[in-house]
Amino acid sequence: MVSDIKLALVGNLKTELEGQRKDVVSGVWEGTDDAAEFVKGRLRGQVTRSGLGDRLAKTWRHKTYPRKGTDTLEPAAVISSKAPKIIHAFSSGETIRSKDAGGFLVIATDFAPVSLSRTGRKKRMSMADFLATFGMDSLRFFPKPGSRNRVVYAIADKGFRRGRGKRGGSRQVTERGRIKAEPVLMYVLVKQVRLGQRFNIDLVVRAAEKA
């Protein structure tokens, strides 16, 4: 301790203090960034453990302000998701209804054909695209027994055959094909869907505040 004081007196005291301040500023910034990284990791972990996949989990991002190297002892970090509506829906257990009065939500099954999006990613064909591609008579609609018409099945009962494995979707079969066509459940129409709470953001926040 005495040697440190002598060093400061012999050298330039202002320079010495500025150097120490830079170390403190850097340490505070690093600590804030590390804390944000930890909380982000916990939030991502909640999503993956809920079974919603890494893609949604990685929508959680963080950014520490101001940028590293700025002379401030009060940095701050912002943690947010690039899919806030989806995150909120699954964290609050919302009930989703059709935007159209009296309408249905359309859920594609694993047998719905796969198509390419504009970005080149594979996705299940929407029912509107299915009807536009294969014709308005390509699907038959049957209400689920006992559902009071709140659940309706959309079935392609001619010209299609299940692919191998659910991920393979289904494929169209021509009349001259050797494989017979069979009824394939393409879409399920429902009045509403209750997502159920899959994770708890507040739990992570409270744990971070106590840390």
C-alpha atoms as a PDB file:
ATOM      1  CA  MET A   1       0.000   0.000   0.000  1.00  0.00           C
ATOM      2  CA  VAL A   2       2.824   2.406   0.918  1.00  0.00           C
ATOM      3  CA  SER A   3       4.666   1.637  -2.290  1.00  0.00           C
ATOM      4  CA  ASP A   4       1.511   2.375  -4.308  1.00  0.00           C
ATOM      5  CA  ILE A   5       1.178   5.792  -2.676  1.00  0.00           C
ATOM      6  CA  LYS A   6       4.829   6.617  -3.299  1.00  0.00           C
ATOM      7  CA  LEU A   7       4.439   5.598  -6.918  1.00  0.00           C
ATOM      8  CA  ALA A   8       1.532   7.984  -7.315  1.00  0.00           C
ATOM      9  CA  LEU A   9       3.442  10.833  -5.697  1.00  0.00           C
ATOM     10  CA  VAL A  10       6.544  10.292  -7.778  1.00  0.00           C
ATOM     11  CA  GLY A  11       4.571   9.869 -10.998  1.00  0.00           C
ATOM     12  CA  ASN A  12       1.669  11.894 -12.421  1.00  0.00           C
ATOM     13  CA  LEU A  13      -1.258  11.683  -9.951  1.00  0.00           C
ATOM     14  CA  LYS A  14      -3.827  12.775 -12.557  1.00  0.00           C
ATOM     15  CA  THR A  15      -2.670  10.107 -14.988  1.00  0.00           C
ATOM     16  CA  GLU A  16      -2.758   7.507 -12.256  1.00  0.00           C
ATOM     17  CA  LEU A  17      -6.327   8.375 -11.246  1.00  0.00           C
ATOM     18  CA  GLU A  18      -7.504   8.411 -14.860  1.00  0.00           C
ATOM     19  CA  GLY A  19      -6.057   4.954 -15.353  1.00  0.00           C
ATOM     20  CA  GLN A  20      -7.839   3.664 -12.292  1.00  0.00           C
ATOM     21  CA  ARG A  21     -11.108   5.201 -13.466  1.00  0.00           C
ATOM     22  CA  LYS A  22     -10.772   3.477 -16.822  1.00  0.00           C
ATOM     23  CA  ASP A  23     -10.312   0.164 -15.038  1.00  0.00           C
ATOM     24  CA  VAL A  24     -13.424   0.776 -12.930  1.00  0.00           C
ATOM     25  CA  VAL A  25     -15.471   1.893 -15.957  1.00  0.00           C
ATOM     26  CA  SER A  26     -14.398  -1.194 -17.884  1.00  0.00           C
ATOM     27  CA  GLY A  27     -15.174  -3.465 -14.936  1.00  0.00           C
ATOM     28  CA  VAL A  28     -18.654  -2.002 -14.422  1.00  0.00           C
ATOM     29  CA  TRP A  29     -19.428  -2.327 -18.138  1.00  0.00           C
ATOM     30  CA  GLU A  30     -18.202  -5.914 -18.252  1.00  0.00           C
ATOM     31  CA  GLY A  31     -20.213  -6.771 -15.142  1.00  0.00           C
ATOM     32  CA  THR A  32     -23.380  -5.293 -16.624  1.00  0.00           C
ATOM     33  CA  ASP A  33     -22.853  -7.117 -19.912  1.00  0.00           C
ATOM     34  CA  ASP A  34     -22.150 -10.418 -18.133  1.00  0.00           C
ATOM     35  CA  ALA A  35     -25.333 -10.047 -16.056  1.00  0.00           C
ATOM     36  CA  ALA A  36     -27.378  -9.399 -19.196  1.00  0.00           C
ATOM     37  CA  GLU A  37     -25.787 -12.394 -20.907  1.00  0.00           C
ATOM     38  CA  PHE A  38     -26.687 -14.572 -17.912  1.00  0.00           C
ATOM     39  CA  VAL A  39     -30.337 -13.432 -17.865  1.00  0.00           C
ATOM     40  CA  LYS A  40     -30.606 -13.900 -21.650  1.00  0.00           C
ATOM     41  CA  GLY A  41     -29.292 -17.423 -21.261  1.00  0.00           C
ATOM     42  CA  ARG A  42     -31.900 -18.208 -18.622  1.00  0.00           C
ATOM     43  CA  LEU A  43     -34.681 -16.867 -20.849  1.00  0.00           C
ATOM     44  CA  ARG A  44     -33.434 -18.876 -23.818  1.00  0.00           C
ATOM     45  CA  GLY A  45     -33.259 -21.941 -21.622  1.00  0.00           C
ATOM     46  CA  GLN A  46     -36.898 -21.554 -20.630  1.00  0.00           C
ATOM     47  CA  VAL A  47     -37.964 -21.533 -24.267  1.00  0.00           C
ATOM     48  CA  THR A  48     -35.955 -24.606 -25.258  1.00  0.00           C
ATOM     49  CA  ARG A  49     -37.095 -26.576 -22.205  1.00  0.00           C
ATOM     50  CA  SER A  50     -40.701 -25.755 -23.067  1.00  0.00           C
ATOM     51  CA  GLY A  51     -40.230 -27.561 -26.373  1.00  0.00           C
ATOM     52  CA  LEU A  52     -40.607 -24.492 -28.589  1.00  0.00           C
ATOM     53  CA  GLY A  53     -37.198 -24.937 -30.200  1.00  0.00           C
ATOM     54  CA  ASP A  54     -33.871 -23.129 -30.518  1.00  0.00           C
ATOM     55  CA  ARG A  55     -35.097 -20.806 -33.240  1.00  0.00           C
ATOM     56  CA  LEU A  56     -37.569 -19.050 -30.939  1.00  0.00           C
ATOM     57  CA  ALA A  57     -35.105 -19.194 -28.047  1.00  0.00           C
ATOM     58  CA  LYS A  58     -32.491 -17.330 -30.076  1.00  0.00           C
ATOM     59  CA  THR A  59     -34.884 -14.440 -30.644  1.00  0.00           C
ATOM     60  CA  TRP A  60     -33.842 -13.327 -27.161  1.00  0.00           C
ATOM     61  CA  ARG A  61     -31.063 -10.734 -27.611  1.00  0.00           C
ATOM     62  CA  HIS A  62     -29.287  -8.240 -25.392  1.00  0.00           C
ATOM     63  CA  LYS A  63     -27.376  -5.020 -25.941  1.00  0.00           C
ATOM     64  CA  THR A  64     -25.342  -3.059 -23.406  1.00  0.00           C
ATOM     65  CA  TYR A  65     -25.348   0.755 -23.543  1.00  0.00           C
ATOM     66  CA  PRO A  66     -23.410   2.871 -24.143  1.00  0.00           C
ATOM     67  CA  ARG A  67     -20.886   1.024 -26.277  1.00  0.00           C
ATOM     68  CA  LYS A  68     -17.861  -0.452 -24.587  1.00  0.00           C
ATOM     69  CA  GLY A  69     -15.124   2.099 -23.862  1.00  0.00           C
ATOM     70  CA  THR A  70     -17.480   5.016 -23.189  1.00  0.00           C
ATOM     71  CA  ASP A  71     -16.586   6.852 -19.972  1.00  0.00           C
ATOM     72  CA  THR A  72     -19.561   6.152 -17.740  1.00  0.00           C
ATOM     73  CA  LEU A  73     -20.118   4.410 -14.426  1.00  0.00           C
ATOM     74  CA  GLU A  74     -23.819   3.799 -15.140  1.00  0.00           C
ATOM     75  CA  PRO A  75     -24.098   1.454 -18.126  1.00  0.00           C
ATOM     76  CA  ALA A  76     -27.381  -0.316 -18.818  1.00  0.00           C
ATOM     77  CA  ALA A  77     -28.397  -3.430 -20.702  1.00  0.00           C
ATOM     78  CA  VAL A  78     -31.605  -4.074 -22.637  1.00  0.00           C
ATOM     79  CA  ILE A  79     -32.857  -7.645 -23.087  1.00  0.00           C
ATOM     80  CA  SER A  80     -35.582  -8.170 -25.664  1.00  0.00           C
ATOM     81  CA  SER A  81     -37.014 -10.690 -28.086  1.00  0.00           C
ATOM     82  CA  LYS A  82     -37.320 -10.288 -31.845  1.00  0.00           C
ATOM     83  CA  ALA A  83     -40.597 -12.234 -31.582  1.00  0.00           C
ATOM     84  CA  PRO A  84     -42.314 -10.361 -28.725  1.00  0.00           C
ATOM     85  CA  LYS A  85     -45.867 -11.369 -29.647  1.00  0.00           C
ATOM     86  CA  ILE A  86     -45.038 -15.080 -29.668  1.00  0.00           C
ATOM     87  CA  ILE A  87     -43.047 -14.827 -26.440  1.00  0.00           C
ATOM     88  CA  HIS A  88     -45.848 -12.915 -24.734  1.00  0.00           C
ATOM     89  CA  ALA A  89     -48.489 -15.366 -25.916  1.00  0.00           C
ATOM     90  CA  PHE A  90     -46.675 -18.394 -24.504  1.00  0.00           C
ATOM     91  CA  SER A  91     -45.603 -16.665 -21.296  1.00  0.00           C
ATOM     92  CA  SER A  92     -49.107 -15.443 -20.456  1.00  0.00           C
ATOM     93  CA  GLY A  93     -51.061 -18.441 -21.747  1.00  0.00           C
ATOM     94  CA  GLU A  94     -53.215 -16.430 -24.119  1.00  0.00           C
ATOM     95  CA  THR A  95     -56.258 -17.661 -25.983  1.00  0.00           C
ATOM     96  CA  ILE A  96     -55.958 -17.040 -29.725  1.00  0.00           C
ATOM     97  CA  ARG A  97     -59.070 -16.488 -31.810  1.00  0.00           C
ATOM     98  CA  SER A  98     -59.656 -15.814 -35.478  1.00  0.00           C
ATOM     99  CA  LYS A  99     -59.621 -12.152 -36.483  1.00  0.00           C
ATOM    100  CA  ASP A 100     -62.735 -12.736 -38.561  1.00  0.00           C
ATOM    101  CA  ALA A 101     -66.027 -12.797 -36.645  1.00  0.00           C
ATOM    102  CA  GLY A 102     -67.205 -16.381 -36.484  1.00  0.00           C
ATOM    103  CA  GLY A 103     -64.115 -17.540 -38.339  1.00  0.00           C
ATOM    104  CA  PHE A 104     -61.711 -20.406 -37.738  1.00  0.00           C
ATOM    105  CA  LEU A 105     -58.023 -20.762 -37.067  1.00  0.00           C
ATOM    106  CA  VAL A 106     -56.446 -23.151 -39.571  1.00  0.00           C
ATOM    107  CA  ILE A 107     -53.784 -25.519 -38.276  1.00  0.00           C
ATOM    108  CA  ALA A 108     -51.777 -27.487 -40.822  1.00  0.00           C
ATOM    109  CA  THR A 109     -51.129 -31.111 -39.893  1.00  0.00           C
ATOM    110  CA  ASP A 110     -47.847 -32.912 -40.475  1.00  0.00           C
ATOM    111  CA  PHE A 111     -49.363 -34.341 -43.658  1.00  0.00           C
ATOM    112  CA  ALA A 112     -49.932 -30.977 -45.327  1.00  0.00           C
ATOM    113  CA  PRO A 113     -47.641 -30.625 -48.376  1.00  0.00           C
ATOM    114  CA  VAL A 114     -44.376 -28.751 -47.927  1.00  0.00           C
ATOM    115  CA  SER A 115     -43.638 -25.693 -50.042  1.00  0.00           C
ATOM    116  CA  LEU A 116     -40.847 -23.140 -50.236  1.00  0.00           C
ATOM    117  CA  SER A 117     -41.315 -19.656 -48.799  1.00  0.00           C
ATOM    118  CA  ARG A 118     -39.980 -16.508 -50.442  1.00  0.00           C
ATOM    119  CA  THR A 119     -36.825 -16.824 -48.353  1.00  0.00           C
ATOM    120  CA  GLY A 120     -36.285 -20.387 -49.538  1.00  0.00           C
ATOM    121  CA  ARG A 121     -37.287 -22.000 -46.245  1.00  0.00           C
ATOM    122  CA  LYS A 122     -39.529 -25.061 -46.256  1.00  0.00           C
ATOM    123  CA  LYS A 123     -42.932 -24.648 -44.624  1.00  0.00           C
ATOM    124  CA  ARG A 124     -46.312 -26.317 -44.551  1.00  0.00           C
ATOM    125  CA  MET A 125     -48.611 -25.143 -47.326  1.00  0.00           C
ATOM    126  CA  SER A 126     -51.449 -22.957 -46.058  1.00  0.00           C
ATOM    127  CA  MET A 127     -55.011 -24.120 -46.712  1.00  0.00           C
ATOM    128  CA  ALA A 128     -55.583 -21.145 -49.027  1.00  0.00           C
ATOM    129  CA  ASP A 129     -52.523 -22.111 -51.090  1.00  0.00           C
ATOM    130  CA  PHE A 130     -53.591 -25.752 -51.051  1.00  0.00           C
ATOM    131  CA  LEU A 131     -57.018 -24.913 -52.496  1.00  0.00           C
ATOM    132  CA  ALA A 132     -55.489 -22.535 -55.026  1.00  0.00           C
ATOM    133  CA  THR A 133     -53.003 -25.197 -56.141  1.00  0.00           C
ATOM    134  CA  PHE A 134     -55.154 -28.328 -56.199  1.00  0.00           C
ATOM    135  CA  GLY A 135     -58.635 -26.863 -56.703  1.00  0.00           C
ATOM    136  CA  MET A 136     -61.518 -25.760 -54.518  1.00  0.00           C
ATOM    137  CA  ASP A 137     -62.903 -29.307 -54.473  1.00  0.00           C
ATOM    138  CA  SER A 138     -59.635 -30.865 -53.299  1.00  0.00           C
ATOM    139  CA  LEU A 139     -60.692 -30.739 -49.624  1.00  0.00           C
ATOM    140  CA  ARG A 140     -63.798 -32.032 -47.873  1.00  0.00           C
ATOM    141  CA  PHE A 141     -64.823 -30.616 -44.513  1.00  0.00           C
ATOM    142  CA  PHE A 142     -66.236 -32.693 -41.645  1.00  0.00           C
ATOM    143  CA  PRO A 143     -67.140 -31.341 -38.189  1.00  0.00           C
ATOM    144  CA  LYS A 144     -65.628 -33.321 -35.339  1.00  0.00           C
ATOM    145  CA  PRO A 145     -68.356 -35.372 -33.641  1.00  0.00           C
ATOM    146  CA  GLY A 146     -69.465 -33.767 -30.395  1.00  0.00           C
ATOM    147  CA  SER A 147     -67.582 -30.506 -31.019  1.00  0.00           C
ATOM    148  CA  ARG A 148     -70.721 -28.512 -31.847  1.00  0.00           C
ATOM    149  CA  ASN A 149     -69.040 -27.453 -35.100  1.00  0.00           C
ATOM    150  CA  ARG A 150     -66.214 -25.737 -33.201  1.00  0.00           C
ATOM    151  CA  VAL A 151     -63.659 -28.173 -34.647  1.00  0.00           C
ATOM    152  CA  VAL A 152     -63.685 -29.062 -38.339  1.00  0.00           C
ATOM    153  CA  TYR A 153     -61.458 -31.511 -40.221  1.00  0.00           C
ATOM    154  CA  ALA A 154     -60.280 -30.690 -43.745  1.00  0.00           C
ATOM    155  CA  ILE A 155     -59.534 -33.957 -45.512  1.00  0.00           C
ATOM    156  CA  ALA A 156     -58.153 -34.662 -48.970  1.00  0.00           C
ATOM    157  CA  ASP A 157     -59.824 -37.961 -49.794  1.00  0.00           C
ATOM    158  CA  LYS A 158     -58.691 -38.362 -53.353  1.00  0.00           C
ATOM    159  CA  GLY A 159     -55.459 -37.935 -55.236  1.00  0.00           C
ATOM    160  CA  PHE A 160     -53.132 -37.924 -52.204  1.00  0.00           C
ATOM    161  CA  ARG A 161     -51.016 -40.399 -50.354  1.00  0.00           C
ATOM    162  CA  ARG A 162     -49.210 -39.998 -47.026  1.00  0.00           C
ATOM    163  CA  GLY A 163     -45.476 -39.601 -47.364  1.00  0.00           C
ATOM    164  CA  ARG A 164     -43.029 -41.711 -45.432  1.00  0.00           C
ATOM    165  CA  GLY A 165     -42.854 -40.289 -41.945  1.00  0.00           C
ATOM    166  CA  LYS A 166     -44.909 -37.338 -40.801  1.00  0.00           C
ATOM    167  CA  ARG A 167     -42.200 -34.859 -41.755  1.00  0.00           C
ATOM    168  CA  GLY A 168     -42.536 -35.967 -45.330  1.00  0.00           C
ATOM    169  CA  GLY A 169     -45.996 -34.465 -45.630  1.00  0.00           C
ATOM    170  CA  SER A 170     -48.077 -36.052 -48.371  1.00  0.00           C
ATOM    171  CA  ARG A 171     -47.779 -36.319 -52.093  1.00  0.00           C
ATOM    172  CA  GLN A 172     -50.219 -36.214 -54.940  1.00  0.00           C
ATOM    173  CA  VAL A 173     -50.897 -39.439 -56.798  1.00  0.00           C
ATOM    174  CA  THR A 174     -52.005 -39.523 -60.418  1.00  0.00           C
ATOM    175  CA  GLU A 175     -54.804 -41.770 -61.574  1.00  0.00           C
ATOM    176  CA  ARG A 176     -52.344 -44.067 -63.328  1.00  0.00           C
ATOM    177  CA  GLY A 177     -50.189 -44.418 -60.269  1.00  0.00           C
ATOM    178  CA  ARG A 178     -49.955 -47.824 -58.638  1.00  0.00           C
ATOM    179  CA  ILE A 179     -50.630 -46.485 -55.142  1.00  0.00           C
ATOM    180  CA  LYS A 180     -54.264 -45.926 -54.293  1.00  0.00           C
ATOM    181  CA  ALA A 181     -55.330 -42.582 -52.954  1.00  0.00           C
ATOM    182  CA  GLU A 182     -56.455 -42.506 -49.326  1.00  0.00           C
ATOM    183  CA  PRO A 183     -58.091 -39.955 -47.005  1.00  0.00           C
ATOM    184  CA  VAL A 184     -55.442 -37.630 -45.603  1.00  0.00           C
ATOM    185  CA  LEU A 185     -56.121 -35.143 -42.808  1.00  0.00           C
ATOM    186  CA  MET A 186     -54.537 -31.944 -44.096  1.00  0.00           C
ATOM    187  CA  TYR A 187     -55.883 -29.234 -41.786  1.00  0.00           C
ATOM    188  CA  VAL A 188     -57.773 -28.813 -38.528  1.00  0.00           C
ATOM    189  CA  LEU A 189     -59.996 -25.760 -38.172  1.00  0.00           C
ATOM    190  CA  VAL A 190     -60.766 -24.565 -34.651  1.00  0.00           C
ATOM    191  CA  LYS A 191     -62.619 -21.607 -33.182  1.00  0.00           C
ATOM    192  CA  GLN A 192     -59.875 -20.833 -30.704  1.00  0.00           C
ATOM    193  CA  VAL A 193     -56.653 -22.188 -29.236  1.00  0.00           C
ATOM    194  CA  ARG A 194     -55.505 -21.760 -25.655  1.00  0.00           C
ATOM    195  CA  LEU A 195     -51.740 -21.883 -25.662  1.00  0.00           C
ATOM    196  CA  GLY A 196     -51.187 -22.438 -21.951  1.00  0.00           C
ATOM    197  CA  GLN A 197     -48.275 -20.882 -20.073  1.00  0.00           C
ATOM    198  CA  ARG A 198     -45.091 -22.532 -21.328  1.00  0.00           C
ATOM    199  CA  PHE A 199     -42.561 -20.414 -19.425  1.00  0.00           C
ATOM    200  CA  ASN A 200     -42.358 -17.648 -16.822  1.00  0.00           C
ATOM    201  CA  ILE A 201     -40.392 -14.504 -17.681  1.00  0.00           C
ATOM    202  CA  ASP A 202     -41.179 -12.839 -14.335  1.00  0.00           C
ATOM    203  CA  LEU A 203     -39.507 -15.725 -12.529  1.00  0.00           C
ATOM    204  CA  VAL A 204     -36.235 -15.069 -14.335  1.00  0.00           C
ATOM    205  CA  VAL A 205     -36.499 -11.322 -13.718  1.00  0.00           C
ATOM    206  CA  ARG A 206     -37.075 -11.772  -9.982  1.00  0.00           C
ATOM    207  CA  ALA A 207     -34.151 -14.196  -9.729  1.00  0.00           C
ATOM    208  CA  ALA A 208     -31.899 -11.693 -11.529  1.00  0.00           C
ATOM    209  CA  GLU A 209     -32.945  -8.864  -9.206  1.00  0.00           C
ATOM    210  CA  LYS A 210     -32.002 -10.956  -6.172  1.00  0.00           C
ATOM    211  CA  ALA A 211     -28.644 -12.017  -7.603  1.00  0.00           C
END
